[in-house]
Each structure stands twice: as structure tokens, then as C-alpha cells.
Amino acid sequence: MTSFAASRFPRLDGWAIGLSGLCAIHCIATAVAFGLLSSVAGLLEAPIIHEAGLAMAMVLGAIALGKGAREHGMLLPVAVGALGLGVMAGALSLPHGFAGEIVYTLVGVLLLAFGHELNRRAFW
């Protein structure tokens, strides 16, 4: 493991964990906003927000988890992260506003964040 890998790649995992946290906040805020202010919820529930967020998560995940696996050789973080991305992508296929959509999205976000945390810890 080089010092460059130890200093740069865990930082990408930190960004990815932060994005996962923003996604979780977005999901909870959307549910609350939908209950309180339907006009605001309409903006937050736009499909493009979910699709763009998933695309960003996939790009960050591929870069951070892929480079991490190449450097430390552990595939568990990649597998857990990919499972999380898959659950998040599957949540997009559920009817919007369905309570299960939020649950599946949050489970996917937590799995993805856990995969990035495993990746970060593999460098220590």
C-alpha cells in the first residue's frame, strides 16, 4: 500500500459516505415535506433528482471501491457497496410515494455507506 493510496482513496470513501448521508436526509426530508408542504415535496420528488443521485453514487462507488479493491485486494467492500447500489436502483422501480420505496432506498444507502466504511478501514 502506497502513501498516496492511503491518503487519497479513503477520502473518496468519505465523500461517498457523505453522499449516502445526503441521500438519507433527502429521503426523510421528502417524506416530511410531502406530509407538510405538498408543493415543496413535488420539487423534491422529481425523478431526475433520484436518477442523478443514483448516477453520482454509482460513479463515486466505482471509483472509490474499485481503486480500493485494487490497492488492498479485499472484495467484501465492493460486494457490500454493489448490493447497496442494487437495492437503491431497485427502489427506483417502485411506485413513487410507496412507503417501501423509502425503506428500500434507506437500506440501500446504509449498505453502500457500510461498503465504503469497510473500504476505508481496509487501508488502516
C-alpha atoms as a PDB file:
ATOM      1  CA  MET A   1       0.000   0.000   0.000  1.00  0.00           C
ATOM      2  CA  THR A   2       1.463   3.334  -1.012  1.00  0.00           C
ATOM      3  CA  SER A   3       1.108   6.518   0.971  1.00  0.00           C
ATOM      4  CA  PHE A   4      -0.776   8.057  -1.976  1.00  0.00           C
ATOM      5  CA  ALA A   5      -3.410   5.303  -1.790  1.00  0.00           C
ATOM      6  CA  ALA A   6      -3.673   5.616   1.972  1.00  0.00           C
ATOM      7  CA  SER A   7      -4.207   9.362   1.792  1.00  0.00           C
ATOM      8  CA  ARG A   8      -6.397   9.708  -1.340  1.00  0.00           C
ATOM      9  CA  PHE A   9      -8.720   6.705  -1.636  1.00  0.00           C
ATOM     10  CA  PRO A  10     -10.188   6.788   1.893  1.00  0.00           C
ATOM     11  CA  ARG A  11     -11.020  10.415   1.198  1.00  0.00           C
ATOM     12  CA  LEU A  12     -13.153   9.279  -1.757  1.00  0.00           C
ATOM     13  CA  ASP A  13     -14.908   6.854   0.574  1.00  0.00           C
ATOM     14  CA  GLY A  14     -15.559   9.760   2.925  1.00  0.00           C
ATOM     15  CA  TRP A  15     -17.148  11.723   0.079  1.00  0.00           C
ATOM     16  CA  ALA A  16     -19.238   8.693  -0.860  1.00  0.00           C
ATOM     17  CA  ILE A  17     -20.373   8.219   2.753  1.00  0.00           C
ATOM     18  CA  GLY A  18     -21.292  11.903   2.821  1.00  0.00           C
ATOM     19  CA  LEU A  19     -23.327  11.471  -0.368  1.00  0.00           C
ATOM     20  CA  SER A  20     -25.085   8.498   1.221  1.00  0.00           C
ATOM     21  CA  GLY A  21     -25.907  10.666   4.228  1.00  0.00           C
ATOM     22  CA  LEU A  22     -27.285  13.384   1.959  1.00  0.00           C
ATOM     23  CA  CYS A  23     -29.433  10.780   0.239  1.00  0.00           C
ATOM     24  CA  ALA A  24     -30.812   9.598   3.581  1.00  0.00           C
ATOM     25  CA  ILE A  25     -31.532  13.190   4.603  1.00  0.00           C
ATOM     26  CA  HIS A  26     -33.205  13.798   1.243  1.00  0.00           C
ATOM     27  CA  CYS A  27     -35.454  10.743   1.683  1.00  0.00           C
ATOM     28  CA  ILE A  28     -36.503  11.741   5.185  1.00  0.00           C
ATOM     29  CA  ALA A  29     -36.933  15.409   4.220  1.00  0.00           C
ATOM     30  CA  THR A  30     -39.058  14.413   1.240  1.00  0.00           C
ATOM     31  CA  ALA A  31     -41.339  12.296   3.411  1.00  0.00           C
ATOM     32  CA  VAL A  32     -41.718  15.105   5.955  1.00  0.00           C
ATOM     33  CA  ALA A  33     -42.142  17.755   3.270  1.00  0.00           C
ATOM     34  CA  PHE A  34     -44.707  15.622   1.486  1.00  0.00           C
ATOM     35  CA  GLY A  35     -46.732  15.433   4.666  1.00  0.00           C
ATOM     36  CA  LEU A  36     -46.376  19.131   5.469  1.00  0.00           C
ATOM     37  CA  LEU A  37     -45.937  21.036   2.239  1.00  0.00           C
ATOM     38  CA  SER A  38     -47.083  19.226  -0.855  1.00  0.00           C
ATOM     39  CA  SER A  39     -45.843  21.960  -3.180  1.00  0.00           C
ATOM     40  CA  VAL A  40     -42.260  21.644  -1.887  1.00  0.00           C
ATOM     41  CA  ALA A  41     -42.472  17.868  -1.885  1.00  0.00           C
ATOM     42  CA  GLY A  42     -43.343  17.946  -5.570  1.00  0.00           C
ATOM     43  CA  LEU A  43     -39.999  19.595  -6.300  1.00  0.00           C
ATOM     44  CA  LEU A  44     -38.039  17.215  -4.066  1.00  0.00           C
ATOM     45  CA  GLU A  45     -39.728  14.165  -5.549  1.00  0.00           C
ATOM     46  CA  ALA A  46     -38.768  14.957  -9.132  1.00  0.00           C
ATOM     47  CA  PRO A  47     -37.474  11.733 -10.729  1.00  0.00           C
ATOM     48  CA  ILE A  48     -34.376  13.483 -12.067  1.00  0.00           C
ATOM     49  CA  ILE A  49     -33.152  14.116  -8.504  1.00  0.00           C
ATOM     50  CA  HIS A  50     -33.286  10.409  -7.716  1.00  0.00           C
ATOM     51  CA  GLU A  51     -31.759   9.355 -11.005  1.00  0.00           C
ATOM     52  CA  ALA A  52     -28.942  11.908 -10.763  1.00  0.00           C
ATOM     53  CA  GLY A  53     -28.248  10.940  -7.154  1.00  0.00           C
ATOM     54  CA  LEU A  54     -28.020   7.267  -8.081  1.00  0.00           C
ATOM     55  CA  ALA A  55     -25.736   8.082 -11.015  1.00  0.00           C
ATOM     56  CA  MET A  56     -23.402  10.081  -8.735  1.00  0.00           C
ATOM     57  CA  ALA A  57     -23.416   7.261  -6.176  1.00  0.00           C
ATOM     58  CA  MET A  58     -22.537   4.747  -8.897  1.00  0.00           C
ATOM     59  CA  VAL A  59     -19.651   6.844 -10.211  1.00  0.00           C
ATOM     60  CA  LEU A  60     -18.204   7.541  -6.754  1.00  0.00           C
ATOM     61  CA  GLY A  61     -18.720   3.919  -5.757  1.00  0.00           C
ATOM     62  CA  ALA A  62     -16.984   2.585  -8.854  1.00  0.00           C
ATOM     63  CA  ILE A  63     -14.010   4.895  -8.384  1.00  0.00           C
ATOM     64  CA  ALA A  64     -13.548   4.595  -4.615  1.00  0.00           C
ATOM     65  CA  LEU A  65     -14.445   0.935  -4.154  1.00  0.00           C
ATOM     66  CA  GLY A  66     -12.717  -0.163  -7.362  1.00  0.00           C
ATOM     67  CA  LYS A  67      -9.451   1.587  -6.572  1.00  0.00           C
ATOM     68  CA  GLY A  68      -9.636   0.385  -3.009  1.00  0.00           C
ATOM     69  CA  ALA A  69     -10.064  -3.229  -4.112  1.00  0.00           C
ATOM     70  CA  ARG A  70      -7.084  -2.898  -6.443  1.00  0.00           C
ATOM     71  CA  GLU A  71      -4.926  -1.469  -3.661  1.00  0.00           C
ATOM     72  CA  HIS A  72      -5.865  -3.655  -0.693  1.00  0.00           C
ATOM     73  CA  GLY A  73      -7.253  -6.671  -2.572  1.00  0.00           C
ATOM     74  CA  MET A  74     -10.407  -7.049  -0.478  1.00  0.00           C
ATOM     75  CA  LEU A  75     -13.621  -7.655  -2.421  1.00  0.00           C
ATOM     76  CA  LEU A  76     -16.065  -7.538   0.511  1.00  0.00           C
ATOM     77  CA  PRO A  77     -16.360  -3.717   0.422  1.00  0.00           C
ATOM     78  CA  VAL A  78     -17.118  -3.873  -3.318  1.00  0.00           C
ATOM     79  CA  ALA A  79     -19.723  -6.601  -2.818  1.00  0.00           C
ATOM     80  CA  VAL A  80     -21.485  -4.751   0.017  1.00  0.00           C
ATOM     81  CA  GLY A  81     -21.368  -1.450  -1.888  1.00  0.00           C
ATOM     82  CA  ALA A  82     -22.680  -3.057  -5.077  1.00  0.00           C
ATOM     83  CA  LEU A  83     -25.526  -4.655  -3.127  1.00  0.00           C
ATOM     84  CA  GLY A  84     -26.420  -1.230  -1.743  1.00  0.00           C
ATOM     85  CA  LEU A  85     -26.395   0.317  -5.214  1.00  0.00           C
ATOM     86  CA  GLY A  86     -28.569  -2.506  -6.486  1.00  0.00           C
ATOM     87  CA  VAL A  87     -31.116  -2.003  -3.713  1.00  0.00           C
ATOM     88  CA  MET A  88     -31.130   1.750  -4.409  1.00  0.00           C
ATOM     89  CA  ALA A  89     -31.634   1.143  -8.136  1.00  0.00           C
ATOM     90  CA  GLY A  90     -34.413  -1.318  -7.382  1.00  0.00           C
ATOM     91  CA  ALA A  91     -36.143   1.279  -5.213  1.00  0.00           C
ATOM     92  CA  LEU A  92     -36.445   3.498  -8.309  1.00  0.00           C
ATOM     93  CA  SER A  93     -38.685   0.867  -9.877  1.00  0.00           C
ATOM     94  CA  LEU A  94     -41.199   1.009  -7.014  1.00  0.00           C
ATOM     95  CA  PRO A  95     -44.221   3.312  -7.224  1.00  0.00           C
ATOM     96  CA  HIS A  96     -43.302   6.808  -6.098  1.00  0.00           C
ATOM     97  CA  GLY A  97     -44.788   7.663  -2.731  1.00  0.00           C
ATOM     98  CA  PHE A  98     -44.994   3.984  -1.738  1.00  0.00           C
ATOM     99  CA  ALA A  99     -43.626   3.657   1.810  1.00  0.00           C
ATOM    100  CA  GLY A 100     -41.493   0.692   0.746  1.00  0.00           C
ATOM    101  CA  GLU A 101     -39.630   2.926  -1.693  1.00  0.00           C
ATOM    102  CA  ILE A 102     -38.244   4.986   1.172  1.00  0.00           C
ATOM    103  CA  VAL A 103     -37.370   1.893   3.208  1.00  0.00           C
ATOM    104  CA  TYR A 104     -35.588   0.210   0.288  1.00  0.00           C
ATOM    105  CA  THR A 105     -33.715   3.404  -0.554  1.00  0.00           C
ATOM    106  CA  LEU A 106     -32.539   3.850   3.026  1.00  0.00           C
ATOM    107  CA  VAL A 107     -31.457   0.194   3.255  1.00  0.00           C
ATOM    108  CA  GLY A 108     -29.500   0.642   0.018  1.00  0.00           C
ATOM    109  CA  VAL A 109     -27.909   3.854   1.246  1.00  0.00           C
ATOM    110  CA  LEU A 110     -26.866   2.226   4.519  1.00  0.00           C
ATOM    111  CA  LEU A 111     -25.396  -0.794   2.710  1.00  0.00           C
ATOM    112  CA  LEU A 112     -23.470   1.452   0.327  1.00  0.00           C
ATOM    113  CA  ALA A 113     -22.138   3.597   3.166  1.00  0.00           C
ATOM    114  CA  PHE A 114     -21.135   0.422   5.042  1.00  0.00           C
ATOM    115  CA  GLY A 115     -19.269  -0.814   1.958  1.00  0.00           C
ATOM    116  CA  HIS A 116     -17.359   2.469   1.796  1.00  0.00           C
ATOM    117  CA  GLU A 117     -16.588   2.260   5.515  1.00  0.00           C
ATOM    118  CA  LEU A 118     -15.249  -1.275   5.048  1.00  0.00           C
ATOM    119  CA  ASN A 119     -13.149   0.018   2.157  1.00  0.00           C
ATOM    120  CA  ARG A 120     -11.774   2.860   4.257  1.00  0.00           C
ATOM    121  CA  ARG A 121     -10.941   0.554   7.162  1.00  0.00           C
ATOM    122  CA  ALA A 122      -9.125  -1.850   4.829  1.00  0.00           C
ATOM    123  CA  PHE A 123      -6.454   0.829   4.351  1.00  0.00           C
ATOM    124  CA  TRP A 124      -5.716   1.055   8.078  1.00  0.00           C
END
